[in-house]
N, C-alpha and C. Protein backbone atom coordinates (compact mmCIF):
# COMPACT_ATOMS: atom_id res chain seq x y z
N UNK A 1 0.85 -1.19 0.00
CA UNK A 1 0.00 0.00 0.00
C UNK A 1 0.89 1.24 0.00
N UNK A 2 0.78 2.04 -1.04
CA UNK A 2 1.52 3.29 -1.16
C UNK A 2 0.56 4.44 -0.85
N UNK A 3 0.94 5.30 0.08
CA UNK A 3 0.04 6.33 0.58
C UNK A 3 0.65 7.71 0.38
N UNK A 4 -0.12 8.62 -0.19
CA UNK A 4 0.29 10.01 -0.35
C UNK A 4 -0.31 10.82 0.78
N UNK A 5 0.53 11.44 1.58
CA UNK A 5 0.06 12.32 2.65
C UNK A 5 0.24 13.75 2.13
N UNK A 6 -0.85 14.32 1.61
CA UNK A 6 -0.76 15.63 0.98
C UNK A 6 -0.47 16.70 2.02
N UNK A 7 0.62 17.42 1.80
CA UNK A 7 1.17 18.35 2.77
C UNK A 7 1.52 19.64 2.05
N UNK A 8 0.78 20.70 2.37
CA UNK A 8 0.93 21.96 1.65
C UNK A 8 1.63 23.01 2.51
N UNK A 9 2.02 24.11 1.88
CA UNK A 9 2.61 25.22 2.60
C UNK A 9 1.68 25.65 3.74
N UNK A 10 2.27 25.88 4.92
CA UNK A 10 1.47 26.24 6.08
C UNK A 10 0.80 25.06 6.75
N UNK A 11 1.29 23.85 6.48
CA UNK A 11 0.63 22.64 6.98
C UNK A 11 0.69 22.50 8.49
N UNK A 12 -0.26 21.73 9.01
CA UNK A 12 -0.31 21.38 10.42
C UNK A 12 0.52 20.11 10.64
N UNK A 13 1.56 20.21 11.45
CA UNK A 13 2.47 19.08 11.65
C UNK A 13 1.75 17.84 12.19
N UNK A 14 0.79 18.05 13.07
CA UNK A 14 0.09 16.91 13.67
C UNK A 14 -0.65 16.10 12.62
N UNK A 15 -1.22 16.76 11.65
CA UNK A 15 -1.97 16.05 10.61
C UNK A 15 -1.05 15.16 9.78
N UNK A 16 0.00 15.76 9.25
CA UNK A 16 0.85 15.01 8.32
C UNK A 16 1.74 14.00 9.04
N UNK A 17 2.41 14.41 10.10
CA UNK A 17 3.42 13.55 10.71
C UNK A 17 2.83 12.43 11.56
N UNK A 18 1.77 12.72 12.32
CA UNK A 18 1.17 11.67 13.17
C UNK A 18 0.58 10.58 12.30
N UNK A 19 -0.20 10.97 11.31
CA UNK A 19 -0.81 9.96 10.43
C UNK A 19 0.26 9.16 9.70
N UNK A 20 1.26 9.84 9.15
CA UNK A 20 2.31 9.13 8.42
C UNK A 20 3.07 8.16 9.33
N UNK A 21 3.35 8.58 10.55
CA UNK A 21 4.10 7.72 11.47
C UNK A 21 3.31 6.46 11.82
N UNK A 22 2.01 6.61 12.06
CA UNK A 22 1.19 5.43 12.38
C UNK A 22 1.07 4.52 11.18
N UNK A 23 0.83 5.09 10.02
CA UNK A 23 0.72 4.27 8.81
C UNK A 23 2.01 3.54 8.50
N UNK A 24 3.13 4.16 8.78
CA UNK A 24 4.42 3.51 8.50
C UNK A 24 4.76 2.41 9.50
N UNK A 25 3.93 2.21 10.51
CA UNK A 25 4.06 1.01 11.34
C UNK A 25 3.79 -0.24 10.51
N UNK A 26 3.20 -0.04 9.33
CA UNK A 26 2.88 -1.16 8.43
C UNK A 26 3.99 -1.43 7.41
N UNK A 27 5.16 -0.86 7.60
CA UNK A 27 6.27 -1.09 6.66
C UNK A 27 6.61 -2.57 6.47
N UNK A 28 6.57 -3.40 7.54
CA UNK A 28 6.86 -4.82 7.32
C UNK A 28 5.89 -5.50 6.36
N UNK A 29 4.70 -4.92 6.23
CA UNK A 29 3.71 -5.47 5.29
C UNK A 29 3.80 -4.80 3.91
N UNK A 30 4.83 -3.99 3.71
CA UNK A 30 5.03 -3.38 2.41
C UNK A 30 4.39 -2.02 2.23
N UNK A 31 3.87 -1.44 3.30
CA UNK A 31 3.24 -0.12 3.22
C UNK A 31 4.29 0.98 3.30
N UNK A 32 3.95 2.13 2.72
CA UNK A 32 4.81 3.31 2.86
C UNK A 32 3.96 4.55 2.71
N UNK A 33 4.04 5.44 3.70
CA UNK A 33 3.34 6.73 3.65
C UNK A 33 4.37 7.80 3.32
N UNK A 34 4.08 8.60 2.29
CA UNK A 34 5.03 9.58 1.79
C UNK A 34 4.49 11.00 1.96
N UNK A 35 5.32 11.90 2.47
CA UNK A 35 4.97 13.32 2.49
C UNK A 35 4.97 13.80 1.04
N UNK A 36 3.81 14.22 0.59
CA UNK A 36 3.59 14.52 -0.83
C UNK A 36 3.17 15.98 -0.97
N UNK A 37 3.94 16.75 -1.73
CA UNK A 37 3.75 18.20 -1.76
C UNK A 37 3.87 18.76 -3.17
N UNK A 38 3.28 19.94 -3.41
CA UNK A 38 3.38 20.56 -4.73
C UNK A 38 4.74 21.19 -5.01
N UNK A 39 5.53 21.43 -3.98
CA UNK A 39 6.85 22.00 -4.15
C UNK A 39 7.88 21.15 -3.42
N UNK A 40 9.16 21.35 -3.76
CA UNK A 40 10.21 20.51 -3.19
C UNK A 40 10.30 20.65 -1.68
N UNK A 41 10.01 21.84 -1.16
CA UNK A 41 10.02 22.08 0.28
C UNK A 41 8.75 22.80 0.69
N UNK A 42 8.25 22.46 1.85
CA UNK A 42 7.10 23.17 2.41
C UNK A 42 7.38 23.48 3.87
N UNK A 43 6.84 24.61 4.32
CA UNK A 43 7.07 25.04 5.70
C UNK A 43 5.75 25.01 6.46
N UNK A 44 5.78 24.45 7.64
CA UNK A 44 4.56 24.28 8.45
C UNK A 44 4.09 25.60 9.03
N UNK A 45 2.93 25.55 9.65
CA UNK A 45 2.35 26.72 10.31
C UNK A 45 3.22 27.21 11.47
N UNK A 46 4.09 26.33 11.96
CA UNK A 46 4.98 26.71 13.06
C UNK A 46 6.43 26.86 12.62
N UNK A 47 6.66 26.95 11.31
CA UNK A 47 7.99 27.24 10.82
C UNK A 47 8.91 26.06 10.60
N UNK A 48 8.36 24.84 10.59
CA UNK A 48 9.18 23.65 10.34
C UNK A 48 9.20 23.38 8.84
N UNK A 49 10.38 23.40 8.24
CA UNK A 49 10.51 23.18 6.81
C UNK A 49 10.96 21.74 6.55
N UNK A 50 10.24 21.08 5.64
CA UNK A 50 10.57 19.69 5.30
C UNK A 50 10.68 19.55 3.78
N UNK A 51 11.44 18.54 3.37
CA UNK A 51 11.53 18.21 1.96
C UNK A 51 10.50 17.12 1.64
N UNK A 52 9.81 17.32 0.55
CA UNK A 52 8.81 16.32 0.17
C UNK A 52 9.49 15.00 -0.22
N UNK A 53 8.73 13.93 -0.07
CA UNK A 53 9.19 12.62 -0.51
C UNK A 53 8.65 12.27 -1.89
N UNK A 54 7.49 12.85 -2.21
CA UNK A 54 6.87 12.60 -3.51
C UNK A 54 6.25 13.90 -4.02
N UNK A 55 6.20 14.08 -5.34
CA UNK A 55 5.52 15.26 -5.90
C UNK A 55 4.01 15.09 -5.81
N UNK A 56 3.29 16.17 -5.97
CA UNK A 56 1.84 16.15 -5.81
C UNK A 56 1.17 15.14 -6.75
N UNK A 57 1.72 14.98 -7.94
CA UNK A 57 1.12 14.07 -8.92
C UNK A 57 1.15 12.61 -8.48
N UNK A 58 1.97 12.30 -7.48
CA UNK A 58 2.00 10.93 -6.94
C UNK A 58 0.64 10.52 -6.39
N UNK A 59 -0.15 11.50 -5.97
CA UNK A 59 -1.46 11.19 -5.40
C UNK A 59 -2.33 10.41 -6.39
N UNK A 60 -2.16 10.66 -7.66
CA UNK A 60 -2.98 9.99 -8.67
C UNK A 60 -2.71 8.49 -8.73
N UNK A 61 -1.47 8.08 -8.48
CA UNK A 61 -1.10 6.67 -8.60
C UNK A 61 -1.10 5.95 -7.27
N UNK A 62 -1.17 6.68 -6.16
CA UNK A 62 -1.13 6.06 -4.84
C UNK A 62 -2.36 5.19 -4.60
N UNK A 63 -2.21 4.22 -3.70
CA UNK A 63 -3.33 3.37 -3.32
C UNK A 63 -4.27 4.09 -2.36
N UNK A 64 -3.71 5.04 -1.62
CA UNK A 64 -4.49 5.79 -0.64
C UNK A 64 -3.93 7.20 -0.52
N UNK A 65 -4.79 8.13 -0.11
CA UNK A 65 -4.40 9.54 -0.02
C UNK A 65 -4.99 10.13 1.25
N UNK A 66 -4.15 10.85 1.99
CA UNK A 66 -4.62 11.62 3.14
C UNK A 66 -4.33 13.09 2.88
N UNK A 67 -5.32 13.93 3.13
CA UNK A 67 -5.16 15.37 2.94
C UNK A 67 -5.17 16.05 4.30
N UNK A 68 -4.03 16.61 4.68
CA UNK A 68 -3.93 17.28 5.95
C UNK A 68 -4.42 18.72 5.86
N UNK A 69 -4.39 19.40 6.98
CA UNK A 69 -4.87 20.78 7.02
C UNK A 69 -3.71 21.75 7.14
N UNK A 70 -4.04 23.03 7.20
CA UNK A 70 -3.01 24.05 7.34
C UNK A 70 -3.63 25.42 7.34
N UNK A 71 -2.81 26.42 7.58
CA UNK A 71 -3.32 27.79 7.70
C UNK A 71 -3.58 28.45 6.35
N UNK A 72 -3.16 27.81 5.25
CA UNK A 72 -3.35 28.40 3.93
C UNK A 72 -4.34 27.61 3.07
N UNK A 73 -5.13 26.75 3.69
CA UNK A 73 -6.01 25.87 2.93
C UNK A 73 -7.04 26.64 2.10
N UNK A 74 -7.57 27.74 2.63
CA UNK A 74 -8.55 28.51 1.85
C UNK A 74 -7.93 29.04 0.56
N UNK A 75 -6.69 29.48 0.64
CA UNK A 75 -6.01 29.95 -0.56
C UNK A 75 -5.78 28.80 -1.54
N UNK A 76 -5.40 27.65 -1.02
CA UNK A 76 -5.17 26.48 -1.86
C UNK A 76 -6.48 26.05 -2.53
N UNK A 77 -7.57 26.09 -1.76
CA UNK A 77 -8.88 25.70 -2.29
C UNK A 77 -9.34 26.62 -3.41
N UNK A 78 -8.81 27.85 -3.43
CA UNK A 78 -9.19 28.81 -4.47
C UNK A 78 -8.23 28.79 -5.66
N UNK A 79 -7.22 27.95 -5.59
CA UNK A 79 -6.21 27.88 -6.65
C UNK A 79 -6.59 26.77 -7.64
N UNK A 80 -7.26 27.14 -8.71
CA UNK A 80 -7.77 26.16 -9.67
C UNK A 80 -6.65 25.35 -10.31
N UNK A 81 -5.53 25.99 -10.59
CA UNK A 81 -4.42 25.28 -11.22
C UNK A 81 -3.85 24.22 -10.29
N UNK A 82 -3.73 24.55 -9.01
CA UNK A 82 -3.21 23.58 -8.05
C UNK A 82 -4.19 22.43 -7.85
N UNK A 83 -5.47 22.75 -7.72
CA UNK A 83 -6.47 21.69 -7.55
C UNK A 83 -6.50 20.75 -8.75
N UNK A 84 -6.25 21.28 -9.93
CA UNK A 84 -6.26 20.46 -11.14
C UNK A 84 -5.16 19.41 -11.14
N UNK A 85 -4.13 19.66 -10.33
CA UNK A 85 -3.03 18.69 -10.23
C UNK A 85 -3.37 17.53 -9.30
N UNK A 86 -4.44 17.66 -8.52
CA UNK A 86 -4.83 16.61 -7.56
C UNK A 86 -5.92 15.76 -8.19
N UNK A 87 -5.55 14.61 -8.69
CA UNK A 87 -6.51 13.73 -9.36
C UNK A 87 -6.68 12.46 -8.54
N UNK A 88 -7.85 12.34 -7.94
CA UNK A 88 -8.14 11.23 -7.06
C UNK A 88 -9.30 10.40 -7.59
N UNK A 89 -9.31 9.12 -7.23
CA UNK A 89 -10.34 8.21 -7.72
C UNK A 89 -10.86 7.35 -6.56
N UNK A 90 -11.99 7.74 -5.96
CA UNK A 90 -12.52 6.99 -4.81
C UNK A 90 -13.00 5.59 -5.16
N UNK A 91 -13.07 5.24 -6.43
CA UNK A 91 -13.47 3.87 -6.79
C UNK A 91 -12.32 2.89 -6.58
N UNK A 92 -11.09 3.39 -6.53
CA UNK A 92 -9.95 2.49 -6.35
C UNK A 92 -8.98 2.95 -5.25
N UNK A 93 -9.20 4.15 -4.72
CA UNK A 93 -8.32 4.66 -3.67
C UNK A 93 -9.08 4.87 -2.37
N UNK A 94 -8.38 4.67 -1.25
CA UNK A 94 -8.90 5.13 0.03
C UNK A 94 -8.48 6.59 0.17
N UNK A 95 -9.43 7.45 0.52
CA UNK A 95 -9.15 8.88 0.57
C UNK A 95 -9.64 9.43 1.90
N UNK A 96 -8.76 10.10 2.62
CA UNK A 96 -9.13 10.71 3.89
C UNK A 96 -8.70 12.16 3.95
N UNK A 97 -9.43 12.94 4.70
CA UNK A 97 -9.07 14.36 4.87
C UNK A 97 -9.31 14.75 6.32
N UNK A 98 -8.48 15.67 6.78
CA UNK A 98 -8.57 16.10 8.17
C UNK A 98 -8.70 17.61 8.26
N UNK A 99 -9.62 18.06 9.11
CA UNK A 99 -9.81 19.48 9.38
C UNK A 99 -10.01 20.26 8.08
N UNK A 100 -9.15 21.24 7.79
CA UNK A 100 -9.38 22.03 6.58
C UNK A 100 -9.11 21.24 5.31
N UNK A 101 -8.49 20.07 5.43
CA UNK A 101 -8.36 19.19 4.27
C UNK A 101 -9.72 18.79 3.72
N UNK A 102 -10.74 18.79 4.58
CA UNK A 102 -12.10 18.49 4.14
C UNK A 102 -12.59 19.52 3.15
N UNK A 103 -12.15 20.77 3.30
CA UNK A 103 -12.52 21.80 2.33
C UNK A 103 -11.96 21.47 0.95
N UNK A 104 -10.74 20.96 0.90
CA UNK A 104 -10.17 20.58 -0.38
C UNK A 104 -10.93 19.41 -1.00
N UNK A 105 -11.33 18.44 -0.18
CA UNK A 105 -12.15 17.34 -0.69
C UNK A 105 -13.44 17.86 -1.29
N UNK A 106 -14.05 18.83 -0.61
CA UNK A 106 -15.29 19.41 -1.11
C UNK A 106 -15.06 20.10 -2.46
N UNK A 107 -13.98 20.86 -2.56
CA UNK A 107 -13.68 21.57 -3.80
C UNK A 107 -13.34 20.60 -4.93
N UNK A 108 -12.85 19.43 -4.58
CA UNK A 108 -12.55 18.41 -5.58
C UNK A 108 -13.77 17.59 -5.96
N UNK A 109 -14.90 17.88 -5.33
CA UNK A 109 -16.15 17.20 -5.66
C UNK A 109 -16.25 15.79 -5.11
N UNK A 110 -15.53 15.49 -4.03
CA UNK A 110 -15.49 14.12 -3.52
C UNK A 110 -16.36 13.91 -2.28
N UNK A 111 -17.08 14.94 -1.87
CA UNK A 111 -17.99 14.80 -0.72
C UNK A 111 -19.45 14.91 -1.14
N UNK A 112 -19.73 15.88 -2.02
CA UNK A 112 -21.11 16.07 -2.44
C UNK A 112 -21.98 16.51 -1.28
N UNK A 113 -23.15 15.87 -1.14
CA UNK A 113 -24.04 16.25 -0.05
C UNK A 113 -23.95 15.32 1.15
N UNK A 114 -22.90 14.50 1.19
CA UNK A 114 -22.71 13.61 2.33
C UNK A 114 -22.21 14.38 3.54
N UNK A 115 -22.59 13.98 4.74
CA UNK A 115 -22.09 14.67 5.93
C UNK A 115 -20.59 14.42 6.10
N UNK A 116 -19.89 15.41 6.65
CA UNK A 116 -18.44 15.32 6.81
C UNK A 116 -18.02 15.92 8.12
N UNK A 117 -16.77 15.65 8.50
CA UNK A 117 -16.19 16.21 9.72
C UNK A 117 -15.10 17.21 9.36
N UNK A 118 -14.93 18.21 10.21
CA UNK A 118 -13.85 19.16 10.05
C UNK A 118 -13.61 19.82 11.40
N UNK A 119 -12.67 20.75 11.46
CA UNK A 119 -12.42 21.45 12.71
C UNK A 119 -13.35 22.65 12.84
N UNK A 120 -13.40 23.24 14.02
CA UNK A 120 -14.35 24.33 14.28
C UNK A 120 -14.05 25.58 13.47
N UNK A 121 -12.76 25.84 13.22
CA UNK A 121 -12.40 27.02 12.44
C UNK A 121 -12.84 26.89 10.99
N UNK A 122 -12.65 25.70 10.43
CA UNK A 122 -12.96 25.46 9.01
C UNK A 122 -14.44 25.24 8.77
N UNK A 123 -15.18 24.89 9.78
CA UNK A 123 -16.59 24.50 9.63
C UNK A 123 -17.40 25.46 8.76
N UNK A 124 -17.37 26.76 9.01
CA UNK A 124 -18.19 27.65 8.17
C UNK A 124 -17.79 27.64 6.70
N UNK A 125 -16.50 27.45 6.42
CA UNK A 125 -16.04 27.43 5.04
C UNK A 125 -16.52 26.16 4.33
N UNK A 126 -16.51 25.04 5.06
CA UNK A 126 -16.96 23.78 4.47
C UNK A 126 -18.47 23.84 4.23
N UNK A 127 -19.20 24.43 5.16
CA UNK A 127 -20.64 24.60 4.98
C UNK A 127 -20.91 25.49 3.78
N UNK A 128 -20.12 26.54 3.64
CA UNK A 128 -20.26 27.46 2.51
C UNK A 128 -20.03 26.73 1.18
N UNK A 129 -19.19 25.69 1.22
CA UNK A 129 -18.91 24.90 0.02
C UNK A 129 -20.02 23.90 -0.28
N UNK A 130 -21.06 23.90 0.55
CA UNK A 130 -22.21 23.05 0.30
C UNK A 130 -22.21 21.72 1.01
N UNK A 131 -21.35 21.56 2.00
CA UNK A 131 -21.21 20.30 2.72
C UNK A 131 -21.89 20.39 4.08
N UNK A 132 -22.58 19.34 4.47
CA UNK A 132 -23.16 19.25 5.80
C UNK A 132 -22.10 18.78 6.78
N UNK A 133 -21.83 19.56 7.80
CA UNK A 133 -20.81 19.22 8.79
C UNK A 133 -21.47 18.66 10.04
N UNK A 134 -20.96 17.53 10.52
CA UNK A 134 -21.51 16.92 11.72
C UNK A 134 -20.53 17.08 12.88
N UNK A 135 -21.07 17.07 14.09
CA UNK A 135 -20.27 17.25 15.30
C UNK A 135 -19.73 15.89 15.73
N UNK A 136 -18.69 15.43 15.05
CA UNK A 136 -18.11 14.13 15.32
C UNK A 136 -16.64 14.16 14.92
N UNK A 137 -15.82 13.27 15.49
CA UNK A 137 -14.40 13.27 15.15
C UNK A 137 -14.08 12.56 13.85
N UNK A 138 -14.98 11.66 13.41
CA UNK A 138 -14.67 10.85 12.25
C UNK A 138 -15.96 10.34 11.60
N UNK A 139 -15.95 10.30 10.27
CA UNK A 139 -17.04 9.68 9.54
C UNK A 139 -16.49 9.21 8.20
N UNK A 140 -17.03 8.13 7.68
CA UNK A 140 -16.60 7.62 6.38
C UNK A 140 -17.81 7.19 5.57
N UNK A 141 -17.69 7.37 4.27
CA UNK A 141 -18.71 6.92 3.33
C UNK A 141 -17.98 6.15 2.23
N UNK A 142 -18.09 4.82 2.29
CA UNK A 142 -17.35 4.03 1.33
C UNK A 142 -15.86 4.24 1.49
N UNK A 143 -15.20 4.68 0.42
CA UNK A 143 -13.75 4.84 0.44
C UNK A 143 -13.29 6.24 0.80
N UNK A 144 -14.21 7.10 1.23
CA UNK A 144 -13.86 8.49 1.57
C UNK A 144 -14.17 8.76 3.04
N UNK A 145 -13.17 9.26 3.75
CA UNK A 145 -13.34 9.53 5.18
C UNK A 145 -12.90 10.95 5.50
N UNK A 146 -13.52 11.54 6.52
CA UNK A 146 -13.12 12.86 7.00
C UNK A 146 -13.02 12.82 8.52
N UNK A 147 -12.15 13.68 9.05
CA UNK A 147 -11.95 13.73 10.49
C UNK A 147 -11.81 15.18 10.93
N UNK A 148 -12.19 15.46 12.17
CA UNK A 148 -12.12 16.81 12.69
C UNK A 148 -11.32 16.88 13.97
N UNK A 149 -10.36 17.81 14.03
CA UNK A 149 -9.51 17.96 15.20
C UNK A 149 -8.13 17.39 14.94
N UNK A 150 -7.10 18.11 15.37
CA UNK A 150 -5.72 17.71 15.07
C UNK A 150 -5.41 16.27 15.48
N UNK A 151 -5.87 15.88 16.66
CA UNK A 151 -5.54 14.54 17.15
C UNK A 151 -6.47 13.46 16.61
N UNK A 152 -7.30 13.82 15.63
CA UNK A 152 -8.09 12.82 14.92
C UNK A 152 -7.26 12.11 13.86
N UNK A 153 -5.99 12.49 13.73
CA UNK A 153 -5.08 11.80 12.81
C UNK A 153 -5.08 10.29 13.06
N UNK A 154 -5.13 9.92 14.34
CA UNK A 154 -5.11 8.50 14.69
C UNK A 154 -6.31 7.76 14.10
N UNK A 155 -7.46 8.43 14.02
CA UNK A 155 -8.65 7.78 13.49
C UNK A 155 -8.52 7.53 11.98
N UNK A 156 -8.00 8.52 11.26
CA UNK A 156 -7.80 8.33 9.83
C UNK A 156 -6.81 7.21 9.56
N UNK A 157 -5.71 7.19 10.31
CA UNK A 157 -4.71 6.15 10.12
C UNK A 157 -5.28 4.78 10.47
N UNK A 158 -6.02 4.68 11.57
CA UNK A 158 -6.61 3.40 11.96
C UNK A 158 -7.60 2.90 10.92
N UNK A 159 -8.45 3.80 10.43
CA UNK A 159 -9.42 3.43 9.39
C UNK A 159 -8.72 2.93 8.14
N UNK A 160 -7.67 3.63 7.74
CA UNK A 160 -6.96 3.25 6.52
C UNK A 160 -6.28 1.90 6.66
N UNK A 161 -5.69 1.64 7.82
CA UNK A 161 -5.05 0.33 8.03
C UNK A 161 -6.10 -0.77 8.08
N UNK A 162 -7.20 -0.51 8.79
CA UNK A 162 -8.25 -1.52 8.89
C UNK A 162 -8.85 -1.83 7.53
N UNK A 163 -9.07 -0.81 6.71
CA UNK A 163 -9.63 -1.02 5.38
C UNK A 163 -8.63 -1.66 4.42
N UNK A 164 -7.36 -1.25 4.54
CA UNK A 164 -6.36 -1.76 3.61
C UNK A 164 -5.73 -3.06 4.03
N UNK A 165 -5.86 -3.43 5.31
CA UNK A 165 -5.27 -4.67 5.81
C UNK A 165 -6.26 -5.40 6.72
N UNK A 166 -6.25 -5.03 7.99
CA UNK A 166 -7.17 -5.67 8.94
C UNK A 166 -7.33 -4.81 10.18
N UNK A 167 -8.41 -5.03 10.89
CA UNK A 167 -8.63 -4.31 12.14
C UNK A 167 -7.56 -4.68 13.16
N UNK A 168 -7.12 -5.92 13.13
CA UNK A 168 -6.06 -6.34 14.04
C UNK A 168 -4.79 -5.53 13.83
N UNK A 169 -4.42 -5.32 12.56
CA UNK A 169 -3.23 -4.53 12.28
C UNK A 169 -3.40 -3.08 12.73
N UNK A 170 -4.61 -2.55 12.57
CA UNK A 170 -4.88 -1.19 13.04
C UNK A 170 -4.72 -1.10 14.55
N UNK A 171 -5.23 -2.08 15.25
CA UNK A 171 -5.12 -2.10 16.71
C UNK A 171 -3.66 -2.20 17.15
N UNK A 172 -2.87 -2.99 16.44
CA UNK A 172 -1.46 -3.14 16.78
C UNK A 172 -0.69 -1.83 16.58
N UNK A 173 -0.99 -1.14 15.47
CA UNK A 173 -0.32 0.13 15.19
C UNK A 173 -0.67 1.17 16.25
N UNK A 174 -1.95 1.21 16.62
CA UNK A 174 -2.38 2.16 17.64
C UNK A 174 -1.79 1.82 19.00
N UNK A 175 -1.73 0.55 19.30
CA UNK A 175 -1.19 0.11 20.59
C UNK A 175 0.26 0.55 20.74
N UNK A 176 1.01 0.52 19.67
CA UNK A 176 2.41 0.92 19.72
C UNK A 176 2.57 2.39 20.09
N UNK A 177 1.72 3.24 19.51
CA UNK A 177 1.88 4.68 19.74
C UNK A 177 1.12 5.19 20.96
N UNK A 178 0.25 4.38 21.52
CA UNK A 178 -0.58 4.83 22.64
C UNK A 178 0.25 5.06 23.90
N UNK A 179 -0.18 5.99 24.75
CA UNK A 179 0.54 6.25 26.00
C UNK A 179 0.60 5.01 26.90
N UNK A 180 1.73 4.82 27.54
CA UNK A 180 1.89 3.71 28.47
C UNK A 180 0.90 3.88 29.63
N UNK A 181 0.29 2.78 30.00
CA UNK A 181 -0.69 2.82 31.08
C UNK A 181 -2.09 3.15 30.60
N UNK A 182 -2.21 3.55 29.32
CA UNK A 182 -3.52 3.89 28.77
C UNK A 182 -3.78 3.17 27.44
N UNK A 183 -2.95 2.20 27.13
CA UNK A 183 -3.01 1.60 25.80
C UNK A 183 -4.36 0.94 25.50
N UNK A 184 -4.87 0.19 26.43
CA UNK A 184 -6.14 -0.51 26.18
C UNK A 184 -7.27 0.47 25.91
N UNK A 185 -7.35 1.50 26.76
CA UNK A 185 -8.42 2.49 26.60
C UNK A 185 -8.23 3.31 25.32
N UNK A 186 -7.00 3.63 25.01
CA UNK A 186 -6.68 4.43 23.82
C UNK A 186 -7.10 3.69 22.56
N UNK A 187 -6.70 2.43 22.47
CA UNK A 187 -7.04 1.62 21.29
C UNK A 187 -8.55 1.44 21.18
N UNK A 188 -9.19 1.16 22.31
CA UNK A 188 -10.63 0.94 22.30
C UNK A 188 -11.38 2.18 21.82
N UNK A 189 -10.93 3.33 22.25
CA UNK A 189 -11.60 4.57 21.85
C UNK A 189 -11.45 4.80 20.35
N UNK A 190 -10.25 4.60 19.84
CA UNK A 190 -10.01 4.81 18.41
C UNK A 190 -10.79 3.81 17.57
N UNK A 191 -10.76 2.57 17.98
CA UNK A 191 -11.50 1.54 17.24
C UNK A 191 -12.99 1.83 17.29
N UNK A 192 -13.47 2.30 18.43
CA UNK A 192 -14.88 2.63 18.55
C UNK A 192 -15.30 3.72 17.59
N UNK A 193 -14.37 4.64 17.28
CA UNK A 193 -14.68 5.74 16.37
C UNK A 193 -14.76 5.29 14.92
N UNK A 194 -13.92 4.32 14.54
CA UNK A 194 -13.85 3.95 13.12
C UNK A 194 -14.60 2.67 12.78
N UNK A 195 -14.79 1.79 13.74
CA UNK A 195 -15.39 0.48 13.47
C UNK A 195 -16.73 0.54 12.74
N UNK A 196 -17.61 1.50 13.05
CA UNK A 196 -18.89 1.53 12.33
C UNK A 196 -18.76 1.81 10.84
N UNK A 197 -17.57 2.23 10.39
CA UNK A 197 -17.39 2.64 9.01
C UNK A 197 -16.43 1.72 8.25
N UNK A 198 -16.30 0.47 8.67
CA UNK A 198 -15.35 -0.42 8.05
C UNK A 198 -15.95 -1.31 6.97
N UNK A 199 -17.20 -1.09 6.62
CA UNK A 199 -17.77 -1.80 5.48
C UNK A 199 -17.45 -1.05 4.20
N UNK A 200 -17.15 -1.75 3.11
CA UNK A 200 -17.04 -3.20 3.01
C UNK A 200 -15.79 -3.72 3.71
N UNK A 201 -15.90 -4.95 4.22
CA UNK A 201 -14.82 -5.51 5.01
C UNK A 201 -13.65 -6.00 4.17
N UNK A 202 -13.85 -6.19 2.87
CA UNK A 202 -12.78 -6.68 2.02
C UNK A 202 -11.72 -5.61 1.84
N UNK A 203 -10.45 -5.91 2.10
CA UNK A 203 -9.39 -4.93 1.94
C UNK A 203 -9.34 -4.37 0.53
N UNK A 204 -9.01 -3.09 0.42
CA UNK A 204 -8.93 -2.43 -0.89
C UNK A 204 -7.68 -2.86 -1.63
N UNK A 205 -6.60 -3.07 -0.91
CA UNK A 205 -5.34 -3.46 -1.55
C UNK A 205 -4.63 -4.51 -0.70
């Protein structure tokens, strides 16, 4: 499973790095999550500059795509040329978005009138884009999932692992990163958030 973690200028580190780190717990099974950006380097909302691992066009060929949030998402959502470079196919890809990344999904026409999750700051913009926003940390419809809140990264990663491999593998990945002394409760909470949305049960890849 090759995963593009879309990471734009002004990105939120928690979205891109937490999800990528959890997904890369699946490296022994051949998985790889790549920081995927439109430019060779991108700088986070807190001034952390990273080099991309894959160009933006990699998203088209990836098995799965995660779209993180950032402080410049509204500008990105208004950039028709940039959006045209993001070609996704929910019939064959698992696609997830977090916080303001949900706005990009909406602009790409991948949500429609389905309910979605986002953060409180982005909520009015997503509603303005014609999307119904629900007060929940995670929701999925088929191969498309959205999450709200920086620490909802774990839910997107768990859903993607469960859909692409197994729920057991998702639990193992979460157990590794969970705080000591709270692992059982942490895993149970995350699984409780994503388990209702794991149909179809057949892995995508």
